[in-house]
Amino acid sequence: QVQLVESGGGLVQAGGSLTLSCAASAVIFRPYTMGWYRQVPGKQRELVASLTSDGTSNYVDSVKGRFTISGDNVPSSVFLQMDSLKPEDTAVYYCNFKTLAIDYWGQGTQVTVSS
């Protein structure tokens, strides 16, 4: 069973930066889509950014120009560079690898942006 381990969350002031990392315990074979989601209490989990194994990226409008997703195939890992953070970015962030057969999820990491 592949596990995803996240790191890099924390507390930062508005305008600051954080980098989230997510590493898989084994290689995940292509094709897949890597993604970062976030969730706040009482709301649905939201897709923040995604990156396909052929290099196509997408972002939710609220983070365009501020967040950058990147990834590696070996080892299977995904990163989220978050710049110009805003208080509304506060959430638990989850990484995800979506393959043809199964979704893999990280355990979540808290990001808190203070005003």
N, C-alpha and C. Protein backbone atom coordinates (compact mmCIF):
# COMPACT_ATOMS: atom_id res chain seq x y z
N GLN A 1 0.84 -1.18 0.00
CA GLN A 1 0.00 0.00 0.00
C GLN A 1 0.88 1.25 0.00
N VAL A 2 0.73 2.09 -1.01
CA VAL A 2 1.51 3.31 -1.10
C VAL A 2 0.99 4.33 -0.10
N GLN A 3 1.91 4.97 0.61
CA GLN A 3 1.54 6.04 1.53
C GLN A 3 2.16 7.35 1.06
N LEU A 4 1.43 8.44 1.27
CA LEU A 4 1.93 9.77 0.95
C LEU A 4 2.21 10.50 2.27
N VAL A 5 3.39 11.04 2.39
CA VAL A 5 3.79 11.74 3.62
C VAL A 5 4.04 13.21 3.28
N GLU A 6 3.32 14.08 3.96
CA GLU A 6 3.40 15.51 3.72
C GLU A 6 4.27 16.19 4.76
N SER A 7 4.82 17.32 4.38
CA SER A 7 5.57 18.16 5.31
C SER A 7 5.56 19.59 4.80
N GLY A 8 5.89 20.53 5.68
CA GLY A 8 6.07 21.91 5.27
C GLY A 8 5.00 22.88 5.71
N GLY A 9 3.94 22.41 6.33
CA GLY A 9 2.93 23.34 6.80
C GLY A 9 3.42 24.12 8.01
N GLY A 10 2.60 25.07 8.45
CA GLY A 10 2.98 25.85 9.62
C GLY A 10 2.26 27.17 9.68
N LEU A 11 2.78 28.05 10.52
CA LEU A 11 2.20 29.37 10.73
C LEU A 11 3.08 30.41 10.04
N VAL A 12 2.45 31.30 9.28
CA VAL A 12 3.19 32.34 8.57
C VAL A 12 2.35 33.61 8.54
N GLN A 13 3.01 34.73 8.49
CA GLN A 13 2.29 36.00 8.40
C GLN A 13 1.83 36.24 6.96
N ALA A 14 0.78 37.02 6.83
CA ALA A 14 0.29 37.38 5.51
C ALA A 14 1.42 38.00 4.69
N GLY A 15 1.49 37.58 3.42
CA GLY A 15 2.56 38.04 2.55
C GLY A 15 3.76 37.11 2.52
N GLY A 16 3.79 36.17 3.44
CA GLY A 16 4.91 35.24 3.52
C GLY A 16 4.77 34.08 2.57
N SER A 17 5.71 33.13 2.69
CA SER A 17 5.77 31.98 1.80
C SER A 17 5.93 30.69 2.60
N LEU A 18 5.43 29.62 2.02
CA LEU A 18 5.63 28.27 2.54
C LEU A 18 5.76 27.33 1.35
N THR A 19 6.49 26.24 1.56
CA THR A 19 6.56 25.19 0.55
C THR A 19 6.10 23.89 1.17
N LEU A 20 5.09 23.29 0.57
CA LEU A 20 4.59 21.99 1.00
C LEU A 20 5.24 20.91 0.16
N SER A 21 5.57 19.80 0.80
CA SER A 21 6.17 18.66 0.11
C SER A 21 5.35 17.41 0.40
N CYS A 22 5.35 16.51 -0.55
CA CYS A 22 4.61 15.25 -0.40
C CYS A 22 5.39 14.17 -1.12
N ALA A 23 5.78 13.13 -0.40
CA ALA A 23 6.56 12.05 -0.98
C ALA A 23 5.83 10.73 -0.83
N ALA A 24 5.84 9.95 -1.89
CA ALA A 24 5.22 8.63 -1.87
C ALA A 24 6.23 7.59 -1.37
N SER A 25 5.72 6.57 -0.70
CA SER A 25 6.59 5.52 -0.14
C SER A 25 7.07 4.55 -1.21
N ALA A 26 6.48 4.64 -2.40
CA ALA A 26 6.90 3.80 -3.53
C ALA A 26 6.62 4.57 -4.81
N VAL A 27 7.25 4.15 -5.89
CA VAL A 27 7.02 4.82 -7.16
C VAL A 27 5.59 4.58 -7.62
N ILE A 28 4.94 5.65 -8.04
CA ILE A 28 3.59 5.57 -8.61
C ILE A 28 3.74 5.70 -10.11
N PHE A 29 3.21 4.72 -10.81
CA PHE A 29 3.43 4.66 -12.26
C PHE A 29 2.44 5.55 -13.01
N ARG A 30 2.96 6.12 -14.10
CA ARG A 30 2.13 6.96 -14.95
C ARG A 30 1.13 6.09 -15.71
N PRO A 31 -0.02 6.68 -16.14
CA PRO A 31 -0.35 8.09 -16.02
C PRO A 31 -1.00 8.40 -14.67
N TYR A 32 -0.81 9.61 -14.19
CA TYR A 32 -1.46 10.06 -12.98
C TYR A 32 -1.58 11.58 -13.02
N THR A 33 -2.40 12.07 -12.12
CA THR A 33 -2.49 13.50 -11.88
C THR A 33 -2.15 13.76 -10.43
N MET A 34 -1.19 14.64 -10.19
CA MET A 34 -0.83 15.04 -8.83
C MET A 34 -1.63 16.28 -8.49
N GLY A 35 -1.99 16.39 -7.22
CA GLY A 35 -2.77 17.56 -6.86
C GLY A 35 -2.61 17.94 -5.40
N TRP A 36 -2.94 19.17 -5.13
CA TRP A 36 -3.04 19.68 -3.76
C TRP A 36 -4.47 20.18 -3.55
N TYR A 37 -5.07 19.72 -2.47
CA TYR A 37 -6.40 20.15 -2.08
C TYR A 37 -6.29 20.85 -0.72
N ARG A 38 -7.32 21.61 -0.39
CA ARG A 38 -7.38 22.19 0.94
C ARG A 38 -8.80 22.16 1.46
N GLN A 39 -8.90 22.17 2.77
CA GLN A 39 -10.22 22.09 3.41
C GLN A 39 -10.23 22.90 4.69
N VAL A 40 -11.29 23.67 4.86
CA VAL A 40 -11.54 24.37 6.11
C VAL A 40 -12.77 23.76 6.75
N PRO A 41 -12.89 23.86 8.06
CA PRO A 41 -14.03 23.25 8.74
C PRO A 41 -15.37 23.74 8.18
N GLY A 42 -16.25 22.81 7.93
CA GLY A 42 -17.58 23.15 7.45
C GLY A 42 -17.69 23.34 5.96
N LYS A 43 -16.57 23.19 5.25
CA LYS A 43 -16.59 23.37 3.79
C LYS A 43 -16.05 22.12 3.11
N GLN A 44 -16.41 21.99 1.82
CA GLN A 44 -15.92 20.86 1.04
C GLN A 44 -14.43 21.03 0.72
N ARG A 45 -13.79 19.91 0.53
CA ARG A 45 -12.39 19.94 0.12
C ARG A 45 -12.31 20.54 -1.29
N GLU A 46 -11.34 21.46 -1.46
CA GLU A 46 -11.22 22.23 -2.70
C GLU A 46 -9.90 21.88 -3.39
N LEU A 47 -9.97 21.64 -4.71
CA LEU A 47 -8.76 21.44 -5.48
C LEU A 47 -8.06 22.78 -5.69
N VAL A 48 -6.82 22.87 -5.25
CA VAL A 48 -6.06 24.11 -5.34
C VAL A 48 -5.21 24.13 -6.61
N ALA A 49 -4.52 23.02 -6.86
CA ALA A 49 -3.62 22.96 -8.01
C ALA A 49 -3.45 21.50 -8.42
N SER A 50 -3.26 21.29 -9.71
CA SER A 50 -3.03 19.94 -10.20
C SER A 50 -1.96 19.95 -11.28
N LEU A 51 -1.32 18.80 -11.44
CA LEU A 51 -0.25 18.65 -12.43
C LEU A 51 -0.31 17.24 -12.97
N THR A 52 -0.51 17.11 -14.28
CA THR A 52 -0.56 15.78 -14.87
C THR A 52 0.86 15.27 -15.12
N SER A 53 0.96 13.97 -15.35
CA SER A 53 2.28 13.37 -15.56
C SER A 53 2.88 13.79 -16.90
N ASP A 54 2.08 14.43 -17.76
CA ASP A 54 2.66 14.95 -19.00
C ASP A 54 2.93 16.45 -18.90
N GLY A 55 2.79 17.02 -17.67
CA GLY A 55 3.24 18.38 -17.45
C GLY A 55 2.20 19.47 -17.51
N THR A 56 0.94 19.14 -17.60
CA THR A 56 -0.12 20.16 -17.65
C THR A 56 -0.55 20.55 -16.25
N SER A 57 -0.51 21.83 -15.95
CA SER A 57 -0.89 22.30 -14.62
C SER A 57 -2.16 23.14 -14.68
N ASN A 58 -2.88 23.14 -13.59
CA ASN A 58 -4.07 23.97 -13.44
C ASN A 58 -4.16 24.48 -12.01
N TYR A 59 -4.75 25.66 -11.86
CA TYR A 59 -4.87 26.29 -10.54
C TYR A 59 -6.28 26.85 -10.36
N VAL A 60 -6.75 26.83 -9.15
CA VAL A 60 -7.98 27.54 -8.84
C VAL A 60 -7.69 29.04 -8.95
N ASP A 61 -8.68 29.80 -9.37
CA ASP A 61 -8.45 31.22 -9.65
C ASP A 61 -7.85 31.98 -8.47
N SER A 62 -8.25 31.62 -7.26
CA SER A 62 -7.83 32.38 -6.08
C SER A 62 -6.33 32.27 -5.79
N VAL A 63 -5.63 31.30 -6.39
CA VAL A 63 -4.20 31.14 -6.12
C VAL A 63 -3.33 31.37 -7.36
N LYS A 64 -3.95 31.64 -8.49
CA LYS A 64 -3.17 31.86 -9.71
C LYS A 64 -2.21 33.03 -9.53
N GLY A 65 -0.96 32.81 -9.94
CA GLY A 65 0.06 33.83 -9.81
C GLY A 65 0.75 33.84 -8.46
N ARG A 66 0.23 33.07 -7.50
CA ARG A 66 0.83 33.03 -6.15
C ARG A 66 1.37 31.64 -5.80
N PHE A 67 0.71 30.60 -6.27
CA PHE A 67 1.11 29.23 -5.96
C PHE A 67 1.69 28.56 -7.21
N THR A 68 2.65 27.66 -6.99
CA THR A 68 3.24 26.90 -8.08
C THR A 68 3.36 25.44 -7.68
N ILE A 69 2.80 24.57 -8.51
CA ILE A 69 2.88 23.13 -8.26
C ILE A 69 4.00 22.54 -9.12
N SER A 70 4.73 21.60 -8.54
CA SER A 70 5.76 20.88 -9.29
C SER A 70 5.84 19.47 -8.75
N GLY A 71 6.52 18.61 -9.50
CA GLY A 71 6.60 17.23 -9.05
C GLY A 71 7.72 16.47 -9.70
N ASP A 72 8.03 15.33 -9.13
CA ASP A 72 9.02 14.40 -9.67
C ASP A 72 8.39 13.03 -9.79
N ASN A 73 8.87 12.24 -10.74
CA ASN A 73 8.34 10.90 -10.92
C ASN A 73 9.09 9.88 -10.06
N VAL A 74 10.41 10.05 -9.97
CA VAL A 74 11.22 9.13 -9.17
C VAL A 74 12.12 9.97 -8.26
N PRO A 75 11.89 10.00 -6.94
CA PRO A 75 10.74 9.36 -6.29
C PRO A 75 9.46 10.13 -6.58
N SER A 76 8.34 9.46 -6.50
CA SER A 76 7.06 10.12 -6.77
C SER A 76 6.81 11.15 -5.67
N SER A 77 6.79 12.39 -6.06
CA SER A 77 6.64 13.47 -5.09
C SER A 77 6.00 14.68 -5.76
N VAL A 78 5.38 15.49 -4.94
CA VAL A 78 4.74 16.71 -5.43
C VAL A 78 4.96 17.82 -4.43
N PHE A 79 5.11 19.04 -4.95
CA PHE A 79 5.43 20.19 -4.12
C PHE A 79 4.45 21.32 -4.44
N LEU A 80 4.25 22.17 -3.45
CA LEU A 80 3.42 23.36 -3.68
C LEU A 80 4.14 24.55 -3.07
N GLN A 81 4.65 25.42 -3.92
CA GLN A 81 5.27 26.66 -3.47
C GLN A 81 4.17 27.70 -3.34
N MET A 82 4.02 28.24 -2.14
CA MET A 82 2.95 29.20 -1.87
C MET A 82 3.58 30.53 -1.49
N ASP A 83 3.37 31.54 -2.31
CA ASP A 83 3.89 32.88 -2.07
C ASP A 83 2.73 33.86 -1.86
N SER A 84 3.06 35.00 -1.32
CA SER A 84 2.05 36.06 -1.08
C SER A 84 0.83 35.48 -0.38
N LEU A 85 1.07 34.74 0.66
CA LEU A 85 -0.03 34.06 1.36
C LEU A 85 -0.99 35.05 1.99
N LYS A 86 -2.27 34.67 2.00
CA LYS A 86 -3.34 35.48 2.56
C LYS A 86 -4.03 34.72 3.68
N PRO A 87 -4.67 35.42 4.59
CA PRO A 87 -5.39 34.72 5.67
C PRO A 87 -6.41 33.71 5.13
N GLU A 88 -7.01 34.01 3.99
CA GLU A 88 -8.00 33.08 3.43
C GLU A 88 -7.37 31.81 2.86
N ASP A 89 -6.05 31.71 2.83
CA ASP A 89 -5.39 30.48 2.44
C ASP A 89 -5.28 29.50 3.61
N THR A 90 -5.67 29.94 4.79
CA THR A 90 -5.62 29.07 5.97
C THR A 90 -6.52 27.86 5.77
N ALA A 91 -5.94 26.67 5.94
CA ALA A 91 -6.68 25.42 5.71
C ALA A 91 -5.76 24.24 6.03
N VAL A 92 -6.35 23.06 6.03
CA VAL A 92 -5.55 21.83 6.01
C VAL A 92 -5.33 21.47 4.54
N TYR A 93 -4.09 21.27 4.17
CA TYR A 93 -3.73 20.96 2.79
C TYR A 93 -3.41 19.47 2.66
N TYR A 94 -3.97 18.87 1.61
CA TYR A 94 -3.80 17.44 1.36
C TYR A 94 -3.18 17.24 -0.03
N CYS A 95 -2.20 16.36 -0.12
CA CYS A 95 -1.70 16.01 -1.44
C CYS A 95 -2.44 14.77 -1.94
N ASN A 96 -2.43 14.61 -3.25
CA ASN A 96 -3.19 13.54 -3.88
C ASN A 96 -2.48 13.07 -5.14
N PHE A 97 -2.44 11.76 -5.35
CA PHE A 97 -2.05 11.18 -6.62
C PHE A 97 -3.25 10.40 -7.14
N LYS A 98 -3.75 10.80 -8.29
CA LYS A 98 -4.92 10.16 -8.87
C LYS A 98 -4.47 9.33 -10.07
N THR A 99 -4.57 7.98 -9.94
CA THR A 99 -4.20 7.10 -11.05
C THR A 99 -5.47 6.56 -11.69
N LEU A 100 -5.30 5.71 -12.67
CA LEU A 100 -6.46 5.12 -13.33
C LEU A 100 -7.22 4.19 -12.38
N ALA A 101 -6.50 3.63 -11.41
CA ALA A 101 -7.11 2.61 -10.56
C ALA A 101 -7.45 3.10 -9.16
N ILE A 102 -6.71 4.07 -8.64
CA ILE A 102 -6.85 4.39 -7.22
C ILE A 102 -6.41 5.83 -6.95
N ASP A 103 -6.98 6.41 -5.91
CA ASP A 103 -6.55 7.71 -5.40
C ASP A 103 -5.70 7.50 -4.15
N TYR A 104 -4.56 8.17 -4.10
CA TYR A 104 -3.75 8.16 -2.90
C TYR A 104 -3.83 9.54 -2.24
N TRP A 105 -3.95 9.56 -0.91
CA TRP A 105 -4.07 10.82 -0.18
C TRP A 105 -3.02 10.92 0.92
N GLY A 106 -2.52 12.12 1.12
CA GLY A 106 -1.68 12.40 2.26
C GLY A 106 -2.53 12.61 3.50
N GLN A 107 -1.86 12.73 4.64
CA GLN A 107 -2.57 12.82 5.91
C GLN A 107 -3.05 14.25 6.21
N GLY A 108 -2.56 15.19 5.45
CA GLY A 108 -2.96 16.59 5.67
C GLY A 108 -1.93 17.35 6.50
N THR A 109 -1.73 18.60 6.14
CA THR A 109 -0.83 19.46 6.91
C THR A 109 -1.48 20.83 7.07
N GLN A 110 -1.43 21.37 8.27
CA GLN A 110 -2.11 22.63 8.57
C GLN A 110 -1.27 23.81 8.09
N VAL A 111 -1.92 24.71 7.37
CA VAL A 111 -1.32 25.99 6.99
C VAL A 111 -2.17 27.09 7.61
N THR A 112 -1.54 27.94 8.40
CA THR A 112 -2.24 29.04 9.05
C THR A 112 -1.54 30.34 8.68
N VAL A 113 -2.31 31.27 8.12
CA VAL A 113 -1.78 32.57 7.71
C VAL A 113 -2.40 33.63 8.60
N SER A 114 -1.57 34.32 9.34
CA SER A 114 -2.06 35.36 10.25
C SER A 114 -2.06 36.71 9.56
N SER A 115 -3.02 37.54 9.96
CA SER A 115 -3.15 38.87 9.32
C SER A 115 -2.31 39.91 10.04
